[in-house]
């Protein structure tokens, strides 16, 4: 099944995976602690604004994960002291769903060592929820947050598990483990 890009978040753990039929030549790179999705050297040139973006960024006492340019304003709001729920709701509402041929939803999560929030904005809804167990939301098919079995305990395990999940067209993945001691991140580019 093709569910597109997705996040899995729960207290202490967040993961994001790019799944794509249209732009498969992408990878995640670490830019001084911010994980960024961008084209590979052999990717065709495009002016599509939804191909490159920060997908995981430290914020407050945790991280923000998501599928587009909304990751930065969510992180900025968290850094300003906004509650995670409000930061997600404000940024998702302000940027709305992607104005592409599919009205692609924006999805995101905020994770600290003790709590997690997941959100999505679609053409028909804005949903932001506190979650106490791993929860998945995707851009297609699974576009409502749902509890999801996710066994990873480290950032590296989470990036690998997200990449290897049985959904079609994996491209790359990023993940973070958040503890009281800080944030650990990992990347899986399928190399």
C-alpha atoms as a PDB file:
ATOM      1  CA  UNK A   1       0.000   0.000   0.000  1.00  0.00           C
ATOM      2  CA  UNK A   2       1.228   3.509  -0.802  1.00  0.00           C
ATOM      3  CA  UNK A   3       0.643   5.935   2.054  1.00  0.00           C
ATOM      4  CA  UNK A   4       3.142   8.604   0.995  1.00  0.00           C
ATOM      5  CA  UNK A   5       5.260  10.430   3.546  1.00  0.00           C
ATOM      6  CA  UNK A   6       4.620   9.650   7.195  1.00  0.00           C
ATOM      7  CA  UNK A   7       5.605  10.387  10.772  1.00  0.00           C
ATOM      8  CA  UNK A   8       5.557   8.096  13.777  1.00  0.00           C
ATOM      9  CA  UNK A   9       5.749   9.826  17.150  1.00  0.00           C
ATOM     10  CA  UNK A  10       5.476   8.818  20.771  1.00  0.00           C
ATOM     11  CA  UNK A  11       7.006  10.072  24.002  1.00  0.00           C
ATOM     12  CA  UNK A  12      10.772  10.044  23.541  1.00  0.00           C
ATOM     13  CA  UNK A  13      10.800   8.945  19.898  1.00  0.00           C
ATOM     14  CA  UNK A  14      10.002  10.493  16.531  1.00  0.00           C
ATOM     15  CA  UNK A  15      10.543   9.222  12.985  1.00  0.00           C
ATOM     16  CA  UNK A  16       9.819  10.509   9.507  1.00  0.00           C
ATOM     17  CA  UNK A  17       9.955   8.691   6.163  1.00  0.00           C
ATOM     18  CA  UNK A  18       9.860   9.989   2.632  1.00  0.00           C
ATOM     19  CA  UNK A  19       7.964   7.628   0.351  1.00  0.00           C
ATOM     20  CA  UNK A  20       7.638   8.907  -3.180  1.00  0.00           C
ATOM     21  CA  UNK A  21       6.614   7.827  -6.641  1.00  0.00           C
ATOM     22  CA  UNK A  22       7.311  11.228  -8.246  1.00  0.00           C
ATOM     23  CA  UNK A  23      10.614  12.335  -6.655  1.00  0.00           C
ATOM     24  CA  UNK A  24      12.542   9.235  -5.525  1.00  0.00           C
ATOM     25  CA  UNK A  25      16.020  10.736  -5.909  1.00  0.00           C
ATOM     26  CA  UNK A  26      16.237  12.335  -2.474  1.00  0.00           C
ATOM     27  CA  UNK A  27      18.159  11.775   0.706  1.00  0.00           C
ATOM     28  CA  UNK A  28      18.374  13.158   4.229  1.00  0.00           C
ATOM     29  CA  UNK A  29      21.477  15.100   5.245  1.00  0.00           C
ATOM     30  CA  UNK A  30      22.524  16.429   8.640  1.00  0.00           C
ATOM     31  CA  UNK A  31      23.071  20.178   8.593  1.00  0.00           C
ATOM     32  CA  UNK A  32      24.486  20.921  12.054  1.00  0.00           C
ATOM     33  CA  UNK A  33      21.784  18.943  13.843  1.00  0.00           C
ATOM     34  CA  UNK A  34      18.884  19.823  11.543  1.00  0.00           C
ATOM     35  CA  UNK A  35      17.988  16.924   9.246  1.00  0.00           C
ATOM     36  CA  UNK A  36      17.069  18.077   5.749  1.00  0.00           C
ATOM     37  CA  UNK A  37      15.478  16.263   2.811  1.00  0.00           C
ATOM     38  CA  UNK A  38      16.945  17.246  -0.546  1.00  0.00           C
ATOM     39  CA  UNK A  39      17.683  15.924  -4.019  1.00  0.00           C
ATOM     40  CA  UNK A  40      20.550  13.575  -4.708  1.00  0.00           C
ATOM     41  CA  UNK A  41      23.296  14.592  -7.143  1.00  0.00           C
ATOM     42  CA  UNK A  42      21.645  12.579  -9.919  1.00  0.00           C
ATOM     43  CA  UNK A  43      18.117  13.981  -9.398  1.00  0.00           C
ATOM     44  CA  UNK A  44      16.488  15.867 -12.226  1.00  0.00           C
ATOM     45  CA  UNK A  45      16.212  19.616 -11.660  1.00  0.00           C
ATOM     46  CA  UNK A  46      12.816  20.742 -10.390  1.00  0.00           C
ATOM     47  CA  UNK A  47      11.189  23.931  -9.193  1.00  0.00           C
ATOM     48  CA  UNK A  48       8.751  21.963  -7.012  1.00  0.00           C
ATOM     49  CA  UNK A  49       8.747  23.701  -3.609  1.00  0.00           C
ATOM     50  CA  UNK A  50       7.823  20.465  -1.792  1.00  0.00           C
ATOM     51  CA  UNK A  51      10.975  18.466  -2.672  1.00  0.00           C
ATOM     52  CA  UNK A  52      13.497  20.052  -0.239  1.00  0.00           C
ATOM     53  CA  UNK A  53      12.788  20.914   3.407  1.00  0.00           C
ATOM     54  CA  UNK A  54      13.877  20.407   7.003  1.00  0.00           C
ATOM     55  CA  UNK A  55      12.234  17.192   8.231  1.00  0.00           C
ATOM     56  CA  UNK A  56      13.633  17.009  11.782  1.00  0.00           C
ATOM     57  CA  UNK A  57      14.764  19.900  13.913  1.00  0.00           C
ATOM     58  CA  UNK A  58      15.590  20.345  17.593  1.00  0.00           C
ATOM     59  CA  UNK A  59      13.134  22.576  19.444  1.00  0.00           C
ATOM     60  CA  UNK A  60      12.787  23.344  23.119  1.00  0.00           C
ATOM     61  CA  UNK A  61      13.441  20.150  25.065  1.00  0.00           C
ATOM     62  CA  UNK A  62      12.799  17.905  22.061  1.00  0.00           C
ATOM     63  CA  UNK A  63      12.325  17.756  18.314  1.00  0.00           C
ATOM     64  CA  UNK A  64       9.845  18.536  15.566  1.00  0.00           C
ATOM     65  CA  UNK A  65       9.398  16.073  12.673  1.00  0.00           C
ATOM     66  CA  UNK A  66       7.354  16.635   9.544  1.00  0.00           C
ATOM     67  CA  UNK A  67       6.941  16.576   5.799  1.00  0.00           C
ATOM     68  CA  UNK A  68       7.646  20.156   4.777  1.00  0.00           C
ATOM     69  CA  UNK A  69       8.394  23.798   5.374  1.00  0.00           C
ATOM     70  CA  UNK A  70       6.046  23.880   8.387  1.00  0.00           C
ATOM     71  CA  UNK A  71       8.712  22.093  10.500  1.00  0.00           C
ATOM     72  CA  UNK A  72      10.592  25.393  10.916  1.00  0.00           C
ATOM     73  CA  UNK A  73       7.681  27.536  12.189  1.00  0.00           C
ATOM     74  CA  UNK A  74       6.590  24.754  14.568  1.00  0.00           C
ATOM     75  CA  UNK A  75      10.140  24.593  15.960  1.00  0.00           C
ATOM     76  CA  UNK A  76      10.341  28.381  16.219  1.00  0.00           C
ATOM     77  CA  UNK A  77       7.067  28.518  18.192  1.00  0.00           C
ATOM     78  CA  UNK A  78       8.264  25.761  20.538  1.00  0.00           C
ATOM     79  CA  UNK A  79      11.547  27.643  21.036  1.00  0.00           C
ATOM     80  CA  UNK A  80       9.520  30.760  21.939  1.00  0.00           C
ATOM     81  CA  UNK A  81       7.789  28.793  24.698  1.00  0.00           C
ATOM     82  CA  UNK A  82       4.501  27.890  23.002  1.00  0.00           C
ATOM     83  CA  UNK A  83       3.002  24.596  24.163  1.00  0.00           C
ATOM     84  CA  UNK A  84       3.610  21.817  21.614  1.00  0.00           C
ATOM     85  CA  UNK A  85      -0.086  21.503  20.775  1.00  0.00           C
ATOM     86  CA  UNK A  86      -0.404  25.219  20.062  1.00  0.00           C
ATOM     87  CA  UNK A  87       2.806  25.366  18.020  1.00  0.00           C
ATOM     88  CA  UNK A  88       1.561  22.525  15.806  1.00  0.00           C
ATOM     89  CA  UNK A  89      -1.944  23.945  15.429  1.00  0.00           C
ATOM     90  CA  UNK A  90      -0.752  27.470  14.615  1.00  0.00           C
ATOM     91  CA  UNK A  91       1.806  26.447  11.993  1.00  0.00           C
ATOM     92  CA  UNK A  92      -0.392  23.831  10.341  1.00  0.00           C
ATOM     93  CA  UNK A  93      -3.356  26.196  10.202  1.00  0.00           C
ATOM     94  CA  UNK A  94      -1.236  29.071   8.850  1.00  0.00           C
ATOM     95  CA  UNK A  95       0.444  27.013   6.090  1.00  0.00           C
ATOM     96  CA  UNK A  96      -2.541  24.746   5.357  1.00  0.00           C
ATOM     97  CA  UNK A  97      -2.344  21.645   3.152  1.00  0.00           C
ATOM     98  CA  UNK A  98       0.069  21.664   0.229  1.00  0.00           C
ATOM     99  CA  UNK A  99      -1.316  23.337  -2.880  1.00  0.00           C
ATOM    100  CA  UNK A 100      -0.187  20.590  -5.251  1.00  0.00           C
ATOM    101  CA  UNK A 101      -2.193  18.365  -7.604  1.00  0.00           C
ATOM    102  CA  UNK A 102      -3.150  16.072  -4.686  1.00  0.00           C
ATOM    103  CA  UNK A 103      -3.913  18.613  -1.922  1.00  0.00           C
ATOM    104  CA  UNK A 104      -1.268  16.758   0.070  1.00  0.00           C
ATOM    105  CA  UNK A 105      -1.755  17.034   3.820  1.00  0.00           C
ATOM    106  CA  UNK A 106       0.959  18.482   6.005  1.00  0.00           C
ATOM    107  CA  UNK A 107       1.921  16.160   8.849  1.00  0.00           C
ATOM    108  CA  UNK A 108       4.096  16.834  11.888  1.00  0.00           C
ATOM    109  CA  UNK A 109       4.923  15.822  15.413  1.00  0.00           C
ATOM    110  CA  UNK A 110       6.566  17.332  18.469  1.00  0.00           C
ATOM    111  CA  UNK A 111       8.419  14.937  20.763  1.00  0.00           C
ATOM    112  CA  UNK A 112      10.016  15.424  24.184  1.00  0.00           C
ATOM    113  CA  UNK A 113      11.246  12.753  26.563  1.00  0.00           C
ATOM    114  CA  UNK A 114       7.875  12.695  28.354  1.00  0.00           C
ATOM    115  CA  UNK A 115       5.254  13.670  25.779  1.00  0.00           C
ATOM    116  CA  UNK A 116       4.373  13.688  22.108  1.00  0.00           C
ATOM    117  CA  UNK A 117       1.881  15.476  19.901  1.00  0.00           C
ATOM    118  CA  UNK A 118       0.953  14.651  16.322  1.00  0.00           C
ATOM    119  CA  UNK A 119      -0.865  16.835  13.842  1.00  0.00           C
ATOM    120  CA  UNK A 120      -2.116  17.002  10.296  1.00  0.00           C
ATOM    121  CA  UNK A 121      -3.882  19.569   8.172  1.00  0.00           C
ATOM    122  CA  UNK A 122      -5.866  18.273   5.220  1.00  0.00           C
ATOM    123  CA  UNK A 123      -8.335  19.916   2.875  1.00  0.00           C
ATOM    124  CA  UNK A 124     -11.150  18.877   5.242  1.00  0.00           C
ATOM    125  CA  UNK A 125      -9.614  18.986   8.729  1.00  0.00           C
ATOM    126  CA  UNK A 126      -6.992  20.172  11.173  1.00  0.00           C
ATOM    127  CA  UNK A 127      -6.180  17.483  13.756  1.00  0.00           C
ATOM    128  CA  UNK A 128      -3.730  17.855  16.648  1.00  0.00           C
ATOM    129  CA  UNK A 129      -3.559  15.206  19.363  1.00  0.00           C
ATOM    130  CA  UNK A 130      -1.489  14.373  22.420  1.00  0.00           C
ATOM    131  CA  UNK A 131      -0.344  10.745  22.158  1.00  0.00           C
ATOM    132  CA  UNK A 132       0.975   8.345  24.776  1.00  0.00           C
ATOM    133  CA  UNK A 133       2.055   5.529  22.454  1.00  0.00           C
ATOM    134  CA  UNK A 134       3.631   5.393  18.999  1.00  0.00           C
ATOM    135  CA  UNK A 135       1.204   7.002  16.566  1.00  0.00           C
ATOM    136  CA  UNK A 136       1.394   7.192  12.774  1.00  0.00           C
ATOM    137  CA  UNK A 137      -0.068   9.755  10.416  1.00  0.00           C
ATOM    138  CA  UNK A 138       0.606   9.775   6.676  1.00  0.00           C
ATOM    139  CA  UNK A 139      -0.129  12.007   3.730  1.00  0.00           C
ATOM    140  CA  UNK A 140      -2.322   9.427   1.952  1.00  0.00           C
ATOM    141  CA  UNK A 141      -4.636   6.614   3.070  1.00  0.00           C
ATOM    142  CA  UNK A 142      -3.593   6.789   6.756  1.00  0.00           C
ATOM    143  CA  UNK A 143      -4.252  10.533   7.079  1.00  0.00           C
ATOM    144  CA  UNK A 144      -5.761  10.356  10.574  1.00  0.00           C
ATOM    145  CA  UNK A 145      -3.467   9.745  13.557  1.00  0.00           C
ATOM    146  CA  UNK A 146      -3.615   6.100  14.662  1.00  0.00           C
ATOM    147  CA  UNK A 147      -1.799   4.028  17.261  1.00  0.00           C
ATOM    148  CA  UNK A 148       0.937   2.077  15.534  1.00  0.00           C
ATOM    149  CA  UNK A 149       3.248  -0.731  16.605  1.00  0.00           C
ATOM    150  CA  UNK A 150       6.785   0.616  16.523  1.00  0.00           C
ATOM    151  CA  UNK A 151       9.455  -1.312  18.434  1.00  0.00           C
ATOM    152  CA  UNK A 152      12.513   0.950  18.021  1.00  0.00           C
ATOM    153  CA  UNK A 153      14.290   2.211  21.106  1.00  0.00           C
ATOM    154  CA  UNK A 154      17.169   4.223  19.606  1.00  0.00           C
ATOM    155  CA  UNK A 155      17.275   6.842  16.870  1.00  0.00           C
ATOM    156  CA  UNK A 156      19.165   4.478  14.552  1.00  0.00           C
ATOM    157  CA  UNK A 157      16.617   1.697  15.127  1.00  0.00           C
ATOM    158  CA  UNK A 158      13.752   4.140  14.527  1.00  0.00           C
ATOM    159  CA  UNK A 159      15.210   5.435  11.246  1.00  0.00           C
ATOM    160  CA  UNK A 160      15.798   1.857  10.031  1.00  0.00           C
ATOM    161  CA  UNK A 161      12.393   0.626  11.187  1.00  0.00           C
ATOM    162  CA  UNK A 162      10.588   3.551   9.519  1.00  0.00           C
ATOM    163  CA  UNK A 163      12.522   2.985   6.292  1.00  0.00           C
ATOM    164  CA  UNK A 164      11.837  -0.772   6.324  1.00  0.00           C
ATOM    165  CA  UNK A 165       8.104  -0.616   7.106  1.00  0.00           C
ATOM    166  CA  UNK A 166       5.996  -2.468   4.579  1.00  0.00           C
ATOM    167  CA  UNK A 167       4.688   0.594   2.733  1.00  0.00           C
ATOM    168  CA  UNK A 168       5.527   1.214  -0.915  1.00  0.00           C
ATOM    169  CA  UNK A 169       8.272   3.418  -2.372  1.00  0.00           C
ATOM    170  CA  UNK A 170      10.664   4.098   0.553  1.00  0.00           C
ATOM    171  CA  UNK A 171      13.186   6.808  -0.248  1.00  0.00           C
ATOM    172  CA  UNK A 172      14.816   7.904   3.021  1.00  0.00           C
ATOM    173  CA  UNK A 173      14.086   8.287   6.732  1.00  0.00           C
ATOM    174  CA  UNK A 174      15.129  10.322   9.754  1.00  0.00           C
ATOM    175  CA  UNK A 175      14.557   9.774  13.451  1.00  0.00           C
ATOM    176  CA  UNK A 176      15.296  11.117  16.902  1.00  0.00           C
ATOM    177  CA  UNK A 177      15.435   9.671  20.386  1.00  0.00           C
ATOM    178  CA  UNK A 178      14.773  12.277  23.068  1.00  0.00           C
ATOM    179  CA  UNK A 179      15.832  11.672  26.682  1.00  0.00           C
ATOM    180  CA  UNK A 180      16.438  13.883  29.684  1.00  0.00           C
ATOM    181  CA  UNK A 181      20.095  13.886  28.580  1.00  0.00           C
ATOM    182  CA  UNK A 182      19.373  15.314  25.118  1.00  0.00           C
ATOM    183  CA  UNK A 183      18.569  14.407  21.531  1.00  0.00           C
ATOM    184  CA  UNK A 184      20.126  11.665  19.416  1.00  0.00           C
ATOM    185  CA  UNK A 185      19.350  11.662  15.673  1.00  0.00           C
ATOM    186  CA  UNK A 186      19.829   9.149  12.877  1.00  0.00           C
ATOM    187  CA  UNK A 187      19.416   8.958   9.121  1.00  0.00           C
ATOM    188  CA  UNK A 188      18.582   6.037   6.812  1.00  0.00           C
ATOM    189  CA  UNK A 189      19.090   6.710   3.116  1.00  0.00           C
ATOM    190  CA  UNK A 190      18.811   3.105   1.973  1.00  0.00           C
ATOM    191  CA  UNK A 191      22.443   3.056   0.870  1.00  0.00           C
END
